[in-house]
């Protein structure tokens, strides 16, 4: 089959953050009575946003028991994240289910995934798909990516990448950085219908990286160092690797260590290179070249490494 070049519109279209996407409420939600009406002060979510998780839990629980889908979703998130209370995925799934039945879009996405996987609930593929479709209809950006995974899984092997790519691109356009990253990785290889396009893939990586996607930051830093899909930009590559490394991403810590060792995008510094390599090693990740570097350090240099590590903190 002849492969066609990608008509890549995302590069010229404005990127809309997920929080800015207007979501149309599903029809089912319109039939439910919500305890908290639009415009009312939401003490539970305000407490959550301020890090007052115990207060958020208490406020959410009061409303959740009265049938408020938004409060039920927040309660599920608190159980999922283990904020103030013991992490409990089963309770999270239960409250996501209650909220999904009440028409909450985010809950429909999360509970739909639980139903598809049979996680803490009886597996129900059809109901799970229905909830994902409702989340898509409501305009939830992350729903496109999950539905793309599902659709690709059900398709013949030869069609999976094309099907996944079409959904990932929709998610990326809606503001989902994970969808943008996944789409970039497919475009970097090409599919049966879409020719390999590393320039477009790099643009998607930039979208995802600029919105805080750690894997995209690492991959883009590598591409910028090598000039893949665009010009070499070692200064920005270093900046991206540093950002991801400070966010505790082991692959980024290895990359940053190599940048410091080889003076890529920054001045060569064996002490800082060693600091970041040791942090990556704490996650059971090693690299022969960096290991050799570490073995050449003197006692005084090791002391400098420990001092620099303490200075960086966290």
Protein backbone atom coordinates (compact mmCIF):
# COMPACT_ATOMS: atom_id res chain seq x y z
CA UNK A 1 0.00 0.00 0.00
CA UNK A 2 1.32 3.43 -0.92
CA UNK A 3 2.11 5.53 2.12
CA UNK A 4 0.88 9.09 2.18
CA UNK A 5 2.65 12.08 3.76
CA UNK A 6 1.04 13.26 6.97
CA UNK A 7 -1.12 16.36 6.75
CA UNK A 8 0.23 17.77 9.96
CA UNK A 9 -1.98 20.53 11.29
CA UNK A 10 -0.98 20.42 14.93
CA UNK A 11 2.20 22.37 14.28
CA UNK A 12 0.24 25.45 13.23
CA UNK A 13 -2.76 25.06 15.52
CA UNK A 14 -2.74 26.66 18.97
CA UNK A 15 -2.17 24.15 21.75
CA UNK A 16 -5.02 24.16 24.25
CA UNK A 17 -4.23 22.93 27.77
CA UNK A 18 -6.51 20.20 29.06
CA UNK A 19 -7.89 22.46 31.77
CA UNK A 20 -9.02 24.97 29.15
CA UNK A 21 -11.02 22.54 27.03
CA UNK A 22 -14.72 23.21 27.38
CA UNK A 23 -16.53 20.01 28.17
CA UNK A 24 -20.12 19.39 27.19
CA UNK A 25 -21.90 17.42 29.89
CA UNK A 26 -23.17 14.01 28.76
CA UNK A 27 -26.94 13.66 28.51
CA UNK A 28 -26.94 11.29 31.45
CA UNK A 29 -25.46 14.01 33.67
CA UNK A 30 -28.30 16.40 32.85
CA UNK A 31 -30.78 13.97 34.38
CA UNK A 32 -29.01 13.87 37.76
CA UNK A 33 -29.49 16.27 40.62
CA UNK A 34 -26.09 17.59 41.70
CA UNK A 35 -25.71 18.69 45.30
CA UNK A 36 -23.26 21.43 44.35
CA UNK A 37 -24.72 23.71 41.69
CA UNK A 38 -22.63 25.66 39.13
CA UNK A 39 -21.20 28.79 40.69
CA UNK A 40 -21.40 27.45 44.24
CA UNK A 41 -18.26 27.61 46.37
CA UNK A 42 -16.49 24.24 46.33
CA UNK A 43 -14.77 23.94 49.70
CA UNK A 44 -13.58 20.39 49.02
CA UNK A 45 -11.75 21.16 45.78
CA UNK A 46 -10.36 24.40 47.18
CA UNK A 47 -8.93 22.52 50.15
CA UNK A 48 -7.47 19.90 47.79
CA UNK A 49 -5.81 22.56 45.62
CA UNK A 50 -4.30 24.15 48.75
CA UNK A 51 -2.89 20.84 49.97
CA UNK A 52 -5.35 20.61 52.89
CA UNK A 53 -6.16 17.00 52.13
CA UNK A 54 -7.81 16.06 55.42
CA UNK A 55 -10.27 18.93 55.08
CA UNK A 56 -10.80 18.04 51.41
CA UNK A 57 -11.53 14.43 52.36
CA UNK A 58 -14.04 15.38 55.05
CA UNK A 59 -15.85 17.88 52.81
CA UNK A 60 -15.88 15.48 49.86
CA UNK A 61 -17.15 12.58 51.96
CA UNK A 62 -20.11 14.60 53.26
CA UNK A 63 -21.21 15.50 49.74
CA UNK A 64 -20.29 12.14 48.21
CA UNK A 65 -22.64 10.32 50.58
CA UNK A 66 -25.43 12.63 49.40
CA UNK A 67 -24.81 11.63 45.78
CA UNK A 68 -22.70 14.53 44.46
CA UNK A 69 -20.70 13.13 41.48
CA UNK A 70 -17.99 15.82 41.64
CA UNK A 71 -17.38 15.10 45.32
CA UNK A 72 -17.36 11.36 44.64
CA UNK A 73 -14.67 11.87 41.99
CA UNK A 74 -12.54 13.92 44.37
CA UNK A 75 -12.96 11.28 47.04
CA UNK A 76 -11.84 8.63 44.55
CA UNK A 77 -8.75 10.68 43.71
CA UNK A 78 -7.89 11.07 47.39
CA UNK A 79 -8.11 7.30 47.86
CA UNK A 80 -6.14 6.73 44.66
CA UNK A 81 -3.34 9.09 45.71
CA UNK A 82 -3.34 8.16 49.39
CA UNK A 83 -3.72 11.76 50.51
CA UNK A 84 -4.12 11.87 54.33
CA UNK A 85 -5.80 8.47 54.21
CA UNK A 86 -4.32 5.07 53.38
CA UNK A 87 -4.05 4.50 49.64
CA UNK A 88 -6.91 2.22 48.63
CA UNK A 89 -7.40 1.44 44.94
CA UNK A 90 -10.53 -0.58 45.65
CA UNK A 91 -12.23 2.36 47.37
CA UNK A 92 -11.05 4.65 44.57
CA UNK A 93 -12.66 2.39 41.98
CA UNK A 94 -15.87 2.22 44.01
CA UNK A 95 -16.23 6.00 44.19
CA UNK A 96 -15.23 6.46 40.56
CA UNK A 97 -18.05 4.04 39.74
CA UNK A 98 -20.57 6.00 41.79
CA UNK A 99 -19.47 9.26 40.17
CA UNK A 100 -19.49 7.74 36.67
CA UNK A 101 -23.08 6.65 37.14
CA UNK A 102 -23.85 10.22 38.18
CA UNK A 103 -22.39 11.58 34.95
CA UNK A 104 -18.98 12.91 36.03
CA UNK A 105 -16.74 12.94 32.96
CA UNK A 106 -13.41 12.24 34.66
CA UNK A 107 -14.92 9.41 36.67
CA UNK A 108 -16.33 7.88 33.50
CA UNK A 109 -12.83 7.76 32.04
CA UNK A 110 -11.18 6.22 35.10
CA UNK A 111 -14.00 3.81 35.86
CA UNK A 112 -14.23 2.84 32.20
CA UNK A 113 -10.57 1.81 32.34
CA UNK A 114 -11.23 -0.19 35.51
CA UNK A 115 -14.10 -2.00 33.80
CA UNK A 116 -11.97 -2.80 30.76
CA UNK A 117 -9.17 -4.19 32.92
CA UNK A 118 -11.40 -5.86 35.49
CA UNK A 119 -9.56 -3.93 38.21
CA UNK A 120 -11.42 -4.22 41.53
CA UNK A 121 -14.67 -4.62 39.57
CA UNK A 122 -16.16 -7.36 37.44
CA UNK A 123 -14.75 -6.92 33.95
CA UNK A 124 -17.29 -5.48 31.54
CA UNK A 125 -15.74 -4.63 28.17
CA UNK A 126 -18.86 -3.14 26.62
CA UNK A 127 -19.69 -0.93 29.59
CA UNK A 128 -16.06 0.18 29.79
CA UNK A 129 -16.10 1.17 26.12
CA UNK A 130 -19.36 3.03 26.63
CA UNK A 131 -17.87 5.10 29.44
CA UNK A 132 -14.79 5.93 27.37
CA UNK A 133 -17.05 7.08 24.52
CA UNK A 134 -18.95 9.31 26.93
CA UNK A 135 -15.67 10.84 28.10
CA UNK A 136 -14.72 11.50 24.47
CA UNK A 137 -18.13 13.02 23.72
CA UNK A 138 -17.66 15.29 26.72
CA UNK A 139 -14.32 16.45 25.31
CA UNK A 140 -11.97 14.99 27.93
CA UNK A 141 -8.52 15.07 26.25
CA UNK A 142 -7.06 11.95 27.92
CA UNK A 143 -9.99 9.84 26.76
CA UNK A 144 -8.82 9.89 23.13
CA UNK A 145 -5.53 8.22 23.99
CA UNK A 146 -7.09 5.45 26.04
CA UNK A 147 -9.73 4.81 23.42
CA UNK A 148 -7.00 4.71 20.78
CA UNK A 149 -5.17 2.03 22.75
CA UNK A 150 -8.37 0.02 22.99
CA UNK A 151 -9.28 0.42 19.33
CA UNK A 152 -5.77 -0.54 18.23
CA UNK A 153 -5.79 -3.59 20.45
CA UNK A 154 -8.98 -4.85 18.79
CA UNK A 155 -7.70 -4.22 15.24
CA UNK A 156 -5.61 -6.46 12.97
CA UNK A 157 -1.88 -6.09 13.65
CA UNK A 158 -1.25 -4.36 10.32
CA UNK A 159 -3.73 -1.58 11.17
CA UNK A 160 -2.94 -0.94 14.81
CA UNK A 161 -0.45 1.89 14.42
CA UNK A 162 -2.67 3.80 11.99
CA UNK A 163 -5.72 3.46 14.23
CA UNK A 164 -3.80 4.41 17.35
CA UNK A 165 -2.19 7.38 15.60
CA UNK A 166 -5.54 8.81 14.49
CA UNK A 167 -6.83 8.80 18.08
CA UNK A 168 -3.57 10.01 19.60
CA UNK A 169 -3.54 12.98 17.23
CA UNK A 170 -7.05 13.90 18.35
CA UNK A 171 -5.96 13.70 21.96
CA UNK A 172 -2.86 15.78 21.25
CA UNK A 173 -4.95 18.46 19.52
CA UNK A 174 -7.26 18.52 22.55
CA UNK A 175 -4.34 19.13 24.91
CA UNK A 176 -3.19 15.72 26.16
CA UNK A 177 0.61 15.64 26.39
CA UNK A 178 0.71 11.84 26.72
CA UNK A 179 -1.21 11.49 23.46
CA UNK A 180 1.21 13.92 21.80
CA UNK A 181 4.17 11.87 23.02
CA UNK A 182 2.70 8.55 21.88
CA UNK A 183 1.82 10.02 18.48
CA UNK A 184 5.38 11.28 18.09
CA UNK A 185 6.80 7.81 18.64
CA UNK A 186 4.56 6.32 15.96
CA UNK A 187 5.37 9.11 13.49
CA UNK A 188 9.08 8.62 14.10
CA UNK A 189 8.72 5.11 12.67
CA UNK A 190 5.85 5.64 10.21
CA UNK A 191 2.89 3.36 9.54
CA UNK A 192 1.43 1.57 6.55
CA UNK A 193 -0.52 4.68 5.58
CA UNK A 194 1.62 7.50 6.97
CA UNK A 195 5.23 7.99 5.96
CA UNK A 196 7.87 8.39 8.65
CA UNK A 197 8.01 12.07 9.58
CA UNK A 198 10.57 12.94 12.25
CA UNK A 199 10.03 16.67 11.77
CA UNK A 200 6.37 16.28 12.71
CA UNK A 201 7.34 13.87 15.47
CA UNK A 202 9.72 16.44 16.94
CA UNK A 203 7.00 19.10 16.89
CA UNK A 204 4.76 16.76 18.87
CA UNK A 205 7.60 16.05 21.29
CA UNK A 206 8.00 19.80 21.79
CA UNK A 207 4.29 20.12 22.54
CA UNK A 208 4.43 17.31 25.10
CA UNK A 209 7.74 18.44 26.63
CA UNK A 210 6.56 22.04 27.02
CA UNK A 211 3.57 20.72 28.94
CA UNK A 212 5.71 18.82 31.43
CA UNK A 213 5.75 15.30 29.96
CA UNK A 214 8.98 13.84 31.37
CA UNK A 215 9.51 11.10 28.77
CA UNK A 216 9.03 13.67 26.02
CA UNK A 217 11.57 15.96 27.67
CA UNK A 218 14.15 13.17 27.73
CA UNK A 219 13.50 12.06 24.16
CA UNK A 220 13.47 15.63 22.84
CA UNK A 221 16.75 16.36 24.63
CA UNK A 222 18.30 13.35 22.88
CA UNK A 223 16.94 14.44 19.51
CA UNK A 224 18.12 18.03 19.98
CA UNK A 225 21.60 16.75 20.78
CA UNK A 226 21.70 14.67 17.60
CA UNK A 227 19.74 17.02 15.33
CA UNK A 228 16.90 14.54 14.76
CA UNK A 229 13.82 16.10 13.16
CA UNK A 230 15.27 19.60 13.41
CA UNK A 231 18.39 21.61 14.21
CA UNK A 232 20.93 20.71 16.86
CA UNK A 233 20.17 22.67 20.04
CA UNK A 234 22.42 21.50 22.85
CA UNK A 235 21.60 24.36 25.21
CA UNK A 236 17.89 23.53 25.20
CA UNK A 237 18.69 19.82 25.32
CA UNK A 238 20.62 20.42 28.54
CA UNK A 239 17.77 22.49 29.98
CA UNK A 240 15.20 19.77 29.23
CA UNK A 241 17.36 17.03 30.70
CA UNK A 242 17.96 19.11 33.81
CA UNK A 243 14.24 19.75 34.30
CA UNK A 244 13.35 16.07 34.02
CA UNK A 245 16.30 15.01 36.19
CA UNK A 246 15.22 17.35 38.97
CA UNK A 247 11.79 15.70 38.73
CA UNK A 248 13.41 12.37 39.69
CA UNK A 249 13.32 10.74 36.24
CA UNK A 250 16.20 8.21 36.19
CA UNK A 251 16.64 8.26 32.39
CA UNK A 252 16.99 12.04 32.54
CA UNK A 253 19.52 11.77 35.36
CA UNK A 254 21.66 9.46 33.22
CA UNK A 255 21.36 11.85 30.29
CA UNK A 256 22.24 14.87 32.42
CA UNK A 257 25.24 13.02 33.86
CA UNK A 258 26.49 12.41 30.32
CA UNK A 259 25.91 16.05 29.39
CA UNK A 260 28.03 17.17 32.34
CA UNK A 261 30.71 14.56 31.65
CA UNK A 262 31.02 15.50 27.98
CA UNK A 263 30.28 19.22 28.25
CA UNK A 264 27.14 19.09 26.11
CA UNK A 265 25.10 22.27 26.45
CA UNK A 266 27.08 23.22 29.53
CA UNK A 267 30.61 23.31 30.88
CA UNK A 268 32.09 19.87 31.54
CA UNK A 269 31.93 19.04 35.25
CA UNK A 270 32.88 15.58 36.48
CA UNK A 271 31.59 16.33 39.98
CA UNK A 272 28.07 17.21 38.82
CA UNK A 273 28.17 14.32 36.36
CA UNK A 274 28.91 11.99 39.26
CA UNK A 275 26.13 13.45 41.40
CA UNK A 276 23.50 12.77 38.77
CA UNK A 277 24.87 9.37 37.93
CA UNK A 278 24.74 8.31 41.58
CA UNK A 279 21.14 9.48 41.75
CA UNK A 280 20.29 7.34 38.73
CA UNK A 281 22.15 4.39 40.28
CA UNK A 282 19.85 4.65 43.30
CA UNK A 283 17.13 3.48 40.88
CA UNK A 284 19.27 0.50 39.80
CA UNK A 285 20.27 2.11 36.50
CA UNK A 286 23.90 2.04 35.42
CA UNK A 287 25.99 2.84 32.37
CA UNK A 288 29.52 1.53 31.69
CA UNK A 289 31.02 4.87 30.64
CA UNK A 290 29.69 6.68 33.68
CA UNK A 291 30.70 3.79 35.92
CA UNK A 292 34.27 4.10 34.64
CA UNK A 293 34.16 7.85 35.34
CA UNK A 294 33.02 7.19 38.89
CA UNK A 295 35.85 4.73 39.48
CA UNK A 296 38.45 7.34 38.53
CA UNK A 297 37.39 9.82 41.23
CA UNK A 298 39.82 10.59 44.01
CA UNK A 299 38.86 10.70 47.68
CA UNK A 300 38.74 14.50 47.55
CA UNK A 301 36.54 14.41 44.46
CA UNK A 302 34.13 12.01 46.15
CA UNK A 303 33.83 14.46 49.01
CA UNK A 304 33.02 17.20 46.49
CA UNK A 305 30.36 14.93 45.00
CA UNK A 306 28.72 14.41 48.39
CA UNK A 307 28.87 18.15 49.11
CA UNK A 308 27.32 19.00 45.74
CA UNK A 309 24.61 16.40 46.23
CA UNK A 310 23.74 17.95 49.61
CA UNK A 311 23.70 21.41 48.04
CA UNK A 312 21.22 20.33 45.37
CA UNK A 313 19.04 18.77 48.04
CA UNK A 314 15.66 17.05 47.69
